[in-house]
Amino acid sequence: DGTGVGLQDLAVAAKVTQIAKEKGVALEVEV
């Protein structure tokens, strides 16, 4: 897990996850 993943990718994923949580679809995103 996390191998080959850049910091920028993590930052983008974090923003997407945060927005998803606000929309109540975090579970679908984290799958």
Foldseek 3Di string as FASTA:
>chain_A
DCPPDDPVNVVVLVVVLVVCVVVPNNVVSVD
